[in-house]
Amino acid sequence: MRLARIDGGTGERSVAVVAGATGDHVLDLGPRPLGELFAELDGIRDLIETTDAATLPPLDPSSLRAPVRPRILACLGYNYRGHVPDGVDPTTDDPATPDVFVKTANTLGGPNDPVVVPAVADDVDYEGEVAVVIGRRAHDVPLAEAMSYVAGYTVLNDVSDRSWQRKQSQWALGKCFDGFAPLGPWLVTADEVDPQDLLVEVVRDGVVTVSQSTATTIFSVAFVVHHLSQVMTLEPGDVVSTGTPQKLPDAQEAHRPLAPGDAVTVRISGLGELTTTFVAPPGDSA
């Protein structure tokens, strides 16, 4: 089941995205954010099953907004085998614990929001990631129960500026420019997704630059939810992004910072595609 937030003309509304013979349609679920609806998923499924998609309005993709607005957007670094810091042997042993950082609230963007390339950012880059959406309050969650706290999954582009990221030991400034976390296009509920068997790909300039399965992640979704919940209480609608694979060798060699006019598509099997365009700052004609 796909759930989304759309601009309904008089404000944002939650919808179920229902496939029909002529394309996707939307079933209105009211103004409440998705995080408040996760306890009602069984009823929403029943409603979809008894509704004829042909009677529903078509989905306008330009109306899609970020599916959730998380209090906490926690991210992982170097969670795919083969993706390691510069100068580190990619065959080295797996780390004992995840490398965790956060993106602040100002970074959040929707699937139709362009990302401004800041004038002070010299090396803007993309990272395509599977984002886990929390479905109920999670605190000190046992590993064996962790997956029951997941509502579903969506797509994140963890946009980063490498020049600011390299300025200090902490990554926050390189990760937290305004709009550097496009999220969407919708949430796919957990019952339809095996998070350890998804193909993560990124396309830039018509070329696939990233292609790797989540089967190669070091830390599973279950372990990450368990691990984080020992420190922070996760609430419905919070997001945990699971890291990006290493770029393919040709893409690494041909690295070029993102610039105004560029577009990047993150596509993840079973979840959908998130295309982000990059623009100049307001008033900059370059």
C-alpha atoms as a PDB file:
ATOM      1  CA  MET A   1       0.000   0.000   0.000  1.00  0.00           C
ATOM      2  CA  ARG A   2       1.254   3.439  -0.981  1.00  0.00           C
ATOM      3  CA  LEU A   3       0.500   6.428   1.232  1.00  0.00           C
ATOM      4  CA  ALA A   4       1.338  10.022   0.371  1.00  0.00           C
ATOM      5  CA  ARG A   5       0.816  13.669   1.210  1.00  0.00           C
ATOM      6  CA  ILE A   6      -0.492  15.968  -1.470  1.00  0.00           C
ATOM      7  CA  ASP A   7      -1.308  19.628  -1.829  1.00  0.00           C
ATOM      8  CA  GLY A   8      -5.068  19.532  -1.869  1.00  0.00           C
ATOM      9  CA  GLY A   9      -5.479  23.169  -2.853  1.00  0.00           C
ATOM     10  CA  THR A  10      -6.565  24.293   0.608  1.00  0.00           C
ATOM     11  CA  GLY A  11      -3.753  22.575   2.470  1.00  0.00           C
ATOM     12  CA  GLU A  12      -1.951  19.252   2.619  1.00  0.00           C
ATOM     13  CA  ARG A  13      -3.925  16.029   2.814  1.00  0.00           C
ATOM     14  CA  SER A  14      -3.053  12.386   3.320  1.00  0.00           C
ATOM     15  CA  VAL A  15      -4.022   9.970   0.556  1.00  0.00           C
ATOM     16  CA  ALA A  16      -3.682   6.363  -0.455  1.00  0.00           C
ATOM     17  CA  VAL A  17      -2.288   6.009  -3.966  1.00  0.00           C
ATOM     18  CA  VAL A  18      -4.377   3.389  -5.743  1.00  0.00           C
ATOM     19  CA  ALA A  19      -3.385   1.827  -9.056  1.00  0.00           C
ATOM     20  CA  GLY A  20      -6.089   1.775 -11.730  1.00  0.00           C
ATOM     21  CA  ALA A  21      -6.405   0.745 -15.346  1.00  0.00           C
ATOM     22  CA  THR A  22      -5.532   4.253 -16.522  1.00  0.00           C
ATOM     23  CA  GLY A  23      -2.868   5.080 -13.940  1.00  0.00           C
ATOM     24  CA  ASP A  24      -2.646   6.051 -10.295  1.00  0.00           C
ATOM     25  CA  HIS A  25      -5.571   7.526  -8.398  1.00  0.00           C
ATOM     26  CA  VAL A  26      -5.893   9.044  -4.921  1.00  0.00           C
ATOM     27  CA  LEU A  27      -8.164   8.018  -2.078  1.00  0.00           C
ATOM     28  CA  ASP A  28      -8.517  10.914   0.342  1.00  0.00           C
ATOM     29  CA  LEU A  29      -7.703  10.101   3.981  1.00  0.00           C
ATOM     30  CA  GLY A  30      -8.164  13.576   5.435  1.00  0.00           C
ATOM     31  CA  PRO A  31      -5.833  16.293   6.674  1.00  0.00           C
ATOM     32  CA  ARG A  32      -4.119  14.383   9.477  1.00  0.00           C
ATOM     33  CA  PRO A  33      -0.426  13.636   8.825  1.00  0.00           C
ATOM     34  CA  LEU A  34       0.480  10.076   7.959  1.00  0.00           C
ATOM     35  CA  GLY A  35       2.160   9.572  11.327  1.00  0.00           C
ATOM     36  CA  GLU A  36      -1.260   9.847  12.952  1.00  0.00           C
ATOM     37  CA  LEU A  37      -2.738   7.245  10.596  1.00  0.00           C
ATOM     38  CA  PHE A  38      -0.271   4.414  11.102  1.00  0.00           C
ATOM     39  CA  ALA A  39      -2.449   2.830  13.803  1.00  0.00           C
ATOM     40  CA  GLU A  40      -5.287   2.646  11.252  1.00  0.00           C
ATOM     41  CA  LEU A  41      -3.523   0.859   8.390  1.00  0.00           C
ATOM     42  CA  ASP A  42      -5.760  -2.229   8.470  1.00  0.00           C
ATOM     43  CA  GLY A  43      -8.843  -0.068   8.056  1.00  0.00           C
ATOM     44  CA  ILE A  44      -7.251   1.871   5.210  1.00  0.00           C
ATOM     45  CA  ARG A  45      -6.446  -1.397   3.418  1.00  0.00           C
ATOM     46  CA  ASP A  46     -10.055  -2.508   3.781  1.00  0.00           C
ATOM     47  CA  LEU A  47     -11.214   0.835   2.391  1.00  0.00           C
ATOM     48  CA  ILE A  48      -8.951   0.478  -0.651  1.00  0.00           C
ATOM     49  CA  GLU A  49     -10.165  -3.061  -1.310  1.00  0.00           C
ATOM     50  CA  THR A  50     -13.797  -1.925  -1.360  1.00  0.00           C
ATOM     51  CA  THR A  51     -13.192   1.158  -3.531  1.00  0.00           C
ATOM     52  CA  ASP A  52     -13.278   1.174  -7.324  1.00  0.00           C
ATOM     53  CA  ALA A  53     -10.155   3.039  -8.443  1.00  0.00           C
ATOM     54  CA  ALA A  54     -12.007   4.298 -11.519  1.00  0.00           C
ATOM     55  CA  THR A  55     -14.248   6.407  -9.275  1.00  0.00           C
ATOM     56  CA  LEU A  56     -11.282   8.204  -7.705  1.00  0.00           C
ATOM     57  CA  PRO A  57      -9.533  11.332  -8.985  1.00  0.00           C
ATOM     58  CA  PRO A  58      -6.227  10.801 -10.794  1.00  0.00           C
ATOM     59  CA  LEU A  59      -2.968  11.451  -8.986  1.00  0.00           C
ATOM     60  CA  ASP A  60      -1.339  14.715 -10.028  1.00  0.00           C
ATOM     61  CA  PRO A  61       2.376  13.976  -9.468  1.00  0.00           C
ATOM     62  CA  SER A  62       3.096  17.713  -9.141  1.00  0.00           C
ATOM     63  CA  SER A  63       0.913  17.786  -6.011  1.00  0.00           C
ATOM     64  CA  LEU A  64       3.064  15.329  -4.056  1.00  0.00           C
ATOM     65  CA  ARG A  65       4.746  16.594  -0.897  1.00  0.00           C
ATOM     66  CA  ALA A  66       7.155  14.939   1.545  1.00  0.00           C
ATOM     67  CA  PRO A  67       5.237  11.937   2.920  1.00  0.00           C
ATOM     68  CA  VAL A  68       6.247  12.674   6.515  1.00  0.00           C
ATOM     69  CA  ARG A  69       7.835  15.549   8.436  1.00  0.00           C
ATOM     70  CA  PRO A  70      10.104  13.805  10.911  1.00  0.00           C
ATOM     71  CA  ARG A  71      11.144  15.194  14.282  1.00  0.00           C
ATOM     72  CA  ILE A  72      14.269  13.093  13.900  1.00  0.00           C
ATOM     73  CA  LEU A  73      16.011  12.346  10.606  1.00  0.00           C
ATOM     74  CA  ALA A  74      18.821   9.966  11.514  1.00  0.00           C
ATOM     75  CA  CYS A  75      21.221   8.760   8.826  1.00  0.00           C
ATOM     76  CA  LEU A  76      23.937   6.136   8.511  1.00  0.00           C
ATOM     77  CA  GLY A  77      27.353   6.512   6.957  1.00  0.00           C
ATOM     78  CA  TYR A  78      29.269   3.691   5.293  1.00  0.00           C
ATOM     79  CA  ASN A  79      26.571   1.059   5.776  1.00  0.00           C
ATOM     80  CA  TYR A  80      27.171  -0.771   2.483  1.00  0.00           C
ATOM     81  CA  ARG A  81      30.067  -3.143   2.033  1.00  0.00           C
ATOM     82  CA  GLY A  82      32.588  -1.562  -0.326  1.00  0.00           C
ATOM     83  CA  HIS A  83      31.686   1.996   0.732  1.00  0.00           C
ATOM     84  CA  VAL A  84      34.402   3.236   3.069  1.00  0.00           C
ATOM     85  CA  PRO A  85      36.046   6.565   3.944  1.00  0.00           C
ATOM     86  CA  ASP A  86      38.797   7.838   1.672  1.00  0.00           C
ATOM     87  CA  GLY A  87      42.037   5.973   2.273  1.00  0.00           C
ATOM     88  CA  VAL A  88      40.409   2.991   4.009  1.00  0.00           C
ATOM     89  CA  ASP A  89      40.809  -0.519   2.589  1.00  0.00           C
ATOM     90  CA  PRO A  90      37.347  -1.562   1.292  1.00  0.00           C
ATOM     91  CA  THR A  91      38.083  -5.171   2.310  1.00  0.00           C
ATOM     92  CA  THR A  92      38.599  -4.232   5.952  1.00  0.00           C
ATOM     93  CA  ASP A  93      36.446  -5.842   8.645  1.00  0.00           C
ATOM     94  CA  ASP A  94      32.935  -4.541   9.227  1.00  0.00           C
ATOM     95  CA  PRO A  95      32.571  -1.927  11.969  1.00  0.00           C
ATOM     96  CA  ALA A  96      31.041  -3.028  15.275  1.00  0.00           C
ATOM     97  CA  THR A  97      28.397  -0.288  15.353  1.00  0.00           C
ATOM     98  CA  PRO A  98      26.733   2.026  12.817  1.00  0.00           C
ATOM     99  CA  ASP A  99      28.163   5.455  11.989  1.00  0.00           C
ATOM    100  CA  VAL A 100      25.183   7.717  12.814  1.00  0.00           C
ATOM    101  CA  PHE A 101      24.573  11.392  12.050  1.00  0.00           C
ATOM    102  CA  VAL A 102      21.475  13.566  11.843  1.00  0.00           C
ATOM    103  CA  LYS A 103      20.036  15.967   9.319  1.00  0.00           C
ATOM    104  CA  THR A 104      18.200  18.957  10.759  1.00  0.00           C
ATOM    105  CA  ALA A 105      14.590  19.972  10.051  1.00  0.00           C
ATOM    106  CA  ASN A 106      15.571  22.697   7.555  1.00  0.00           C
ATOM    107  CA  THR A 107      16.932  20.055   5.171  1.00  0.00           C
ATOM    108  CA  LEU A 108      13.583  18.397   4.434  1.00  0.00           C
ATOM    109  CA  GLY A 109      12.175  18.723   0.924  1.00  0.00           C
ATOM    110  CA  GLY A 110       9.436  17.057  -1.062  1.00  0.00           C
ATOM    111  CA  PRO A 111       9.608  15.118  -4.322  1.00  0.00           C
ATOM    112  CA  ASN A 112       8.856  18.241  -6.374  1.00  0.00           C
ATOM    113  CA  ASP A 113      11.083  20.684  -4.517  1.00  0.00           C
ATOM    114  CA  PRO A 114      14.253  21.814  -6.308  1.00  0.00           C
ATOM    115  CA  VAL A 115      17.462  21.911  -4.306  1.00  0.00           C
ATOM    116  CA  VAL A 116      19.358  25.183  -4.281  1.00  0.00           C
ATOM    117  CA  VAL A 117      23.098  24.815  -4.849  1.00  0.00           C
ATOM    118  CA  PRO A 118      24.471  27.237  -2.225  1.00  0.00           C
ATOM    119  CA  ALA A 119      26.999  29.809  -3.409  1.00  0.00           C
ATOM    120  CA  VAL A 120      29.400  28.704  -0.656  1.00  0.00           C
ATOM    121  CA  ALA A 121      29.136  24.986  -1.528  1.00  0.00           C
ATOM    122  CA  ASP A 122      31.905  23.843  -3.868  1.00  0.00           C
ATOM    123  CA  ASP A 123      31.299  20.095  -4.056  1.00  0.00           C
ATOM    124  CA  VAL A 124      27.600  19.219  -3.855  1.00  0.00           C
ATOM    125  CA  ASP A 125      26.957  15.501  -4.256  1.00  0.00           C
ATOM    126  CA  TYR A 126      24.050  13.039  -4.122  1.00  0.00           C
ATOM    127  CA  GLU A 127      23.396   9.896  -2.077  1.00  0.00           C
ATOM    128  CA  GLY A 128      20.447   7.625  -2.908  1.00  0.00           C
ATOM    129  CA  GLU A 129      19.076   5.859   0.151  1.00  0.00           C
ATOM    130  CA  VAL A 130      16.282   3.688   1.527  1.00  0.00           C
ATOM    131  CA  ALA A 131      14.550   5.649   4.294  1.00  0.00           C
ATOM    132  CA  VAL A 132      12.753   3.798   7.082  1.00  0.00           C
ATOM    133  CA  VAL A 133       9.635   5.462   8.514  1.00  0.00           C
ATOM    134  CA  ILE A 134       8.817   4.681  12.140  1.00  0.00           C
ATOM    135  CA  GLY A 135       5.231   3.612  12.816  1.00  0.00           C
ATOM    136  CA  ARG A 136       4.939   3.715  16.615  1.00  0.00           C
ATOM    137  CA  ARG A 137       6.875   5.007  19.581  1.00  0.00           C
ATOM    138  CA  ALA A 138      10.142   3.089  19.833  1.00  0.00           C
ATOM    139  CA  HIS A 139      12.289   3.197  22.965  1.00  0.00           C
ATOM    140  CA  ASP A 140      14.769   0.502  23.997  1.00  0.00           C
ATOM    141  CA  VAL A 141      13.290  -1.875  21.430  1.00  0.00           C
ATOM    142  CA  PRO A 142      14.463  -5.521  21.504  1.00  0.00           C
ATOM    143  CA  LEU A 143      16.116  -6.620  18.275  1.00  0.00           C
ATOM    144  CA  ALA A 144      13.574  -9.404  17.755  1.00  0.00           C
ATOM    145  CA  GLU A 145      10.687  -6.902  17.852  1.00  0.00           C
ATOM    146  CA  ALA A 146      12.267  -4.019  15.948  1.00  0.00           C
ATOM    147  CA  MET A 147      10.550  -4.582  12.598  1.00  0.00           C
ATOM    148  CA  SER A 148       7.114  -4.232  14.205  1.00  0.00           C
ATOM    149  CA  TYR A 149       7.952  -0.558  14.817  1.00  0.00           C
ATOM    150  CA  VAL A 150       8.419   0.167  11.094  1.00  0.00           C
ATOM    151  CA  ALA A 151       5.447   1.668   9.221  1.00  0.00           C
ATOM    152  CA  GLY A 152       7.095   1.618   5.811  1.00  0.00           C
ATOM    153  CA  TYR A 153       9.778   2.882   3.501  1.00  0.00           C
ATOM    154  CA  THR A 154      10.426   5.785   1.178  1.00  0.00           C
ATOM    155  CA  VAL A 155      13.295   7.253  -0.861  1.00  0.00           C
ATOM    156  CA  LEU A 156      15.795   9.865   0.343  1.00  0.00           C
ATOM    157  CA  ASN A 157      18.462  11.800  -1.514  1.00  0.00           C
ATOM    158  CA  ASP A 158      21.002  12.642   1.196  1.00  0.00           C
ATOM    159  CA  VAL A 159      22.393  15.667  -0.647  1.00  0.00           C
ATOM    160  CA  SER A 160      25.778  16.616   0.799  1.00  0.00           C
ATOM    161  CA  ASP A 161      28.480  19.166   0.192  1.00  0.00           C
ATOM    162  CA  ARG A 162      31.830  17.405   0.424  1.00  0.00           C
ATOM    163  CA  SER A 163      33.844  20.608   0.862  1.00  0.00           C
ATOM    164  CA  TRP A 164      31.957  21.557   4.053  1.00  0.00           C
ATOM    165  CA  GLN A 165      31.863  17.929   5.137  1.00  0.00           C
ATOM    166  CA  ARG A 166      35.664  17.824   5.022  1.00  0.00           C
ATOM    167  CA  LYS A 167      36.095  21.035   7.039  1.00  0.00           C
ATOM    168  CA  GLN A 168      35.580  19.276  10.370  1.00  0.00           C
ATOM    169  CA  SER A 169      35.397  15.860  12.011  1.00  0.00           C
ATOM    170  CA  GLN A 170      31.599  16.134  12.357  1.00  0.00           C
ATOM    171  CA  TRP A 171      29.578  16.105   9.119  1.00  0.00           C
ATOM    172  CA  ALA A 172      26.676  18.359  10.142  1.00  0.00           C
ATOM    173  CA  LEU A 173      27.483  21.468   8.115  1.00  0.00           C
ATOM    174  CA  GLY A 174      28.051  19.505   4.923  1.00  0.00           C
ATOM    175  CA  LYS A 175      24.778  17.639   5.394  1.00  0.00           C
ATOM    176  CA  CYS A 176      22.455  20.370   6.648  1.00  0.00           C
ATOM    177  CA  PHE A 177      22.114  23.064   4.008  1.00  0.00           C
ATOM    178  CA  ASP A 178      18.491  24.088   3.446  1.00  0.00           C
ATOM    179  CA  GLY A 179      16.611  21.545   1.329  1.00  0.00           C
ATOM    180  CA  PHE A 180      19.368  18.910   1.356  1.00  0.00           C
ATOM    181  CA  ALA A 181      16.978  16.028   2.168  1.00  0.00           C
ATOM    182  CA  PRO A 182      14.427  15.478  -0.634  1.00  0.00           C
ATOM    183  CA  LEU A 183      12.047  12.712   0.494  1.00  0.00           C
ATOM    184  CA  GLY A 184       9.346  10.811  -1.396  1.00  0.00           C
ATOM    185  CA  PRO A 185       7.446  10.311  -3.568  1.00  0.00           C
ATOM    186  CA  TRP A 186       5.335   8.261  -1.134  1.00  0.00           C
ATOM    187  CA  LEU A 187       5.592   5.690   1.623  1.00  0.00           C
ATOM    188  CA  VAL A 188       5.223   1.982   0.848  1.00  0.00           C
ATOM    189  CA  THR A 189       3.934   0.065   3.855  1.00  0.00           C
ATOM    190  CA  ALA A 190       6.211  -2.447   5.524  1.00  0.00           C
ATOM    191  CA  ASP A 191       4.046  -5.472   4.685  1.00  0.00           C
ATOM    192  CA  GLU A 192       4.962  -5.066   1.002  1.00  0.00           C
ATOM    193  CA  VAL A 193       8.721  -4.571   1.352  1.00  0.00           C
ATOM    194  CA  ASP A 194      11.722  -6.734   2.206  1.00  0.00           C
ATOM    195  CA  PRO A 195      14.211  -3.999   3.152  1.00  0.00           C
ATOM    196  CA  GLN A 196      17.157  -6.377   2.852  1.00  0.00           C
ATOM    197  CA  ASP A 197      16.382  -7.201  -0.794  1.00  0.00           C
ATOM    198  CA  LEU A 198      16.019  -3.894  -2.650  1.00  0.00           C
ATOM    199  CA  LEU A 199      18.058  -2.595  -5.576  1.00  0.00           C
ATOM    200  CA  VAL A 200      19.254   0.973  -5.008  1.00  0.00           C
ATOM    201  CA  GLU A 201      20.198   2.878  -8.159  1.00  0.00           C
ATOM    202  CA  VAL A 202      21.039   6.466  -8.990  1.00  0.00           C
ATOM    203  CA  VAL A 203      20.847   7.944 -12.494  1.00  0.00           C
ATOM    204  CA  ARG A 204      22.658  11.138 -13.467  1.00  0.00           C
ATOM    205  CA  ASP A 205      22.848  12.494 -16.999  1.00  0.00           C
ATOM    206  CA  GLY A 206      21.139   9.326 -18.224  1.00  0.00           C
ATOM    207  CA  VAL A 207      23.871   7.125 -16.752  1.00  0.00           C
ATOM    208  CA  VAL A 208      23.496   4.714 -13.827  1.00  0.00           C
ATOM    209  CA  THR A 209      26.131   5.815 -11.317  1.00  0.00           C
ATOM    210  CA  VAL A 210      25.061   3.682  -8.336  1.00  0.00           C
ATOM    211  CA  SER A 211      23.656   0.140  -8.397  1.00  0.00           C
ATOM    212  CA  GLN A 212      23.794  -2.110  -5.357  1.00  0.00           C
ATOM    213  CA  SER A 213      21.447  -4.298  -3.347  1.00  0.00           C
ATOM    214  CA  THR A 214      20.482  -3.643   0.251  1.00  0.00           C
ATOM    215  CA  ALA A 215      21.475  -7.282   0.798  1.00  0.00           C
ATOM    216  CA  THR A 216      25.026  -5.891   1.070  1.00  0.00           C
ATOM    217  CA  THR A 217      24.291  -3.534   3.964  1.00  0.00           C
ATOM    218  CA  ILE A 218      26.322  -4.109   7.106  1.00  0.00           C
ATOM    219  CA  PHE A 219      23.552  -3.286   9.584  1.00  0.00           C
ATOM    220  CA  SER A 220      20.001  -4.469   8.943  1.00  0.00           C
ATOM    221  CA  VAL A 221      16.954  -2.247   9.396  1.00  0.00           C
ATOM    222  CA  ALA A 222      16.001  -4.270  12.460  1.00  0.00           C
ATOM    223  CA  PHE A 223      19.399  -3.741  14.072  1.00  0.00           C
ATOM    224  CA  VAL A 224      19.449  -0.021  13.294  1.00  0.00           C
ATOM    225  CA  VAL A 225      16.001   0.587  14.820  1.00  0.00           C
ATOM    226  CA  HIS A 226      17.005  -1.441  17.877  1.00  0.00           C
ATOM    227  CA  HIS A 227      20.347   0.354  18.157  1.00  0.00           C
ATOM    228  CA  LEU A 228      19.015   3.897  17.821  1.00  0.00           C
ATOM    229  CA  SER A 229      16.095   3.298  20.184  1.00  0.00           C
ATOM    230  CA  GLN A 230      18.543   2.626  22.998  1.00  0.00           C
ATOM    231  CA  VAL A 231      19.554   6.293  22.808  1.00  0.00           C
ATOM    232  CA  MET A 232      16.618   8.261  21.373  1.00  0.00           C
ATOM    233  CA  THR A 233      12.888   7.710  21.498  1.00  0.00           C
ATOM    234  CA  LEU A 234      11.635   7.422  17.944  1.00  0.00           C
ATOM    235  CA  GLU A 235       8.094   8.630  17.258  1.00  0.00           C
ATOM    236  CA  PRO A 236       5.663   7.851  14.410  1.00  0.00           C
ATOM    237  CA  GLY A 237       6.834   9.680  11.300  1.00  0.00           C
ATOM    238  CA  ASP A 238      10.486   9.822  12.312  1.00  0.00           C
ATOM    239  CA  VAL A 239      12.900   8.679   9.609  1.00  0.00           C
ATOM    240  CA  VAL A 240      16.028   6.548   9.670  1.00  0.00           C
ATOM    241  CA  SER A 241      17.957   6.581   6.403  1.00  0.00           C
ATOM    242  CA  THR A 242      20.083   3.525   5.832  1.00  0.00           C
ATOM    243  CA  GLY A 243      23.084   4.888   3.937  1.00  0.00           C
ATOM    244  CA  THR A 244      24.206   4.974   0.322  1.00  0.00           C
ATOM    245  CA  PRO A 245      26.169   2.446  -1.714  1.00  0.00           C
ATOM    246  CA  GLN A 246      29.508   3.365  -3.234  1.00  0.00           C
ATOM    247  CA  LYS A 247      29.367   4.899  -6.685  1.00  0.00           C
ATOM    248  CA  LEU A 248      30.342   2.678  -9.586  1.00  0.00           C
ATOM    249  CA  PRO A 249      34.021   2.960 -10.578  1.00  0.00           C
ATOM    250  CA  ASP A 250      33.416   5.008 -13.742  1.00  0.00           C
ATOM    251  CA  ALA A 251      31.241   7.457 -11.790  1.00  0.00           C
ATOM    252  CA  GLN A 252      33.902   7.851  -9.112  1.00  0.00           C
ATOM    253  CA  GLU A 253      36.537   8.633 -11.711  1.00  0.00           C
ATOM    254  CA  ALA A 254      34.275  11.117 -13.509  1.00  0.00           C
ATOM    255  CA  HIS A 255      33.081  12.889 -10.348  1.00  0.00           C
ATOM    256  CA  ARG A 256      31.687  16.343 -11.057  1.00  0.00           C
ATOM    257  CA  PRO A 257      29.981  18.470  -8.382  1.00  0.00           C
ATOM    258  CA  LEU A 258      26.281  19.048  -8.896  1.00  0.00           C
ATOM    259  CA  ALA A 259      25.473  22.394 -10.475  1.00  0.00           C
ATOM    260  CA  PRO A 260      22.336  24.380 -11.346  1.00  0.00           C
ATOM    261  CA  GLY A 261      20.495  22.635 -14.163  1.00  0.00           C
ATOM    262  CA  ASP A 262      21.505  19.125 -13.098  1.00  0.00           C
ATOM    263  CA  ALA A 263      18.951  16.453 -12.195  1.00  0.00           C
ATOM    264  CA  VAL A 264      19.437  13.217 -10.272  1.00  0.00           C
ATOM    265  CA  THR A 265      17.024  10.291 -10.008  1.00  0.00           C
ATOM    266  CA  VAL A 266      17.148   7.834  -7.131  1.00  0.00           C
ATOM    267  CA  ARG A 267      15.191   4.687  -7.961  1.00  0.00           C
ATOM    268  CA  ILE A 268      14.640   1.825  -5.561  1.00  0.00           C
ATOM    269  CA  SER A 269      12.887  -1.391  -6.517  1.00  0.00           C
ATOM    270  CA  GLY A 270       9.459  -1.622  -4.931  1.00  0.00           C
ATOM    271  CA  LEU A 271       9.562   1.948  -3.601  1.00  0.00           C
ATOM    272  CA  GLY A 272       9.616   4.172  -6.676  1.00  0.00           C
ATOM    273  CA  GLU A 273      11.678   7.035  -8.062  1.00  0.00           C
ATOM    274  CA  LEU A 274      12.694  10.398  -6.638  1.00  0.00           C
ATOM    275  CA  THR A 275      13.994  12.942  -9.160  1.00  0.00           C
ATOM    276  CA  THR A 276      15.597  16.106  -7.820  1.00  0.00           C
ATOM    277  CA  THR A 277      16.545  19.133  -9.871  1.00  0.00           C
ATOM    278  CA  PHE A 278      19.278  21.510  -8.758  1.00  0.00           C
ATOM    279  CA  VAL A 279      18.955  25.269  -9.163  1.00  0.00           C
ATOM    280  CA  ALA A 280      20.947  28.424  -8.566  1.00  0.00           C
ATOM    281  CA  PRO A 281      20.265  30.603  -5.492  1.00  0.00           C
ATOM    282  CA  PRO A 282      17.530  33.215  -5.960  1.00  0.00           C
ATOM    283  CA  GLY A 283      18.888  36.230  -7.840  1.00  0.00           C
ATOM    284  CA  ASP A 284      21.847  34.291  -9.202  1.00  0.00           C
ATOM    285  CA  SER A 285      21.683  34.223 -12.997  1.00  0.00           C
ATOM    286  CA  ALA A 286      24.674  31.924 -13.338  1.00  0.00           C
END
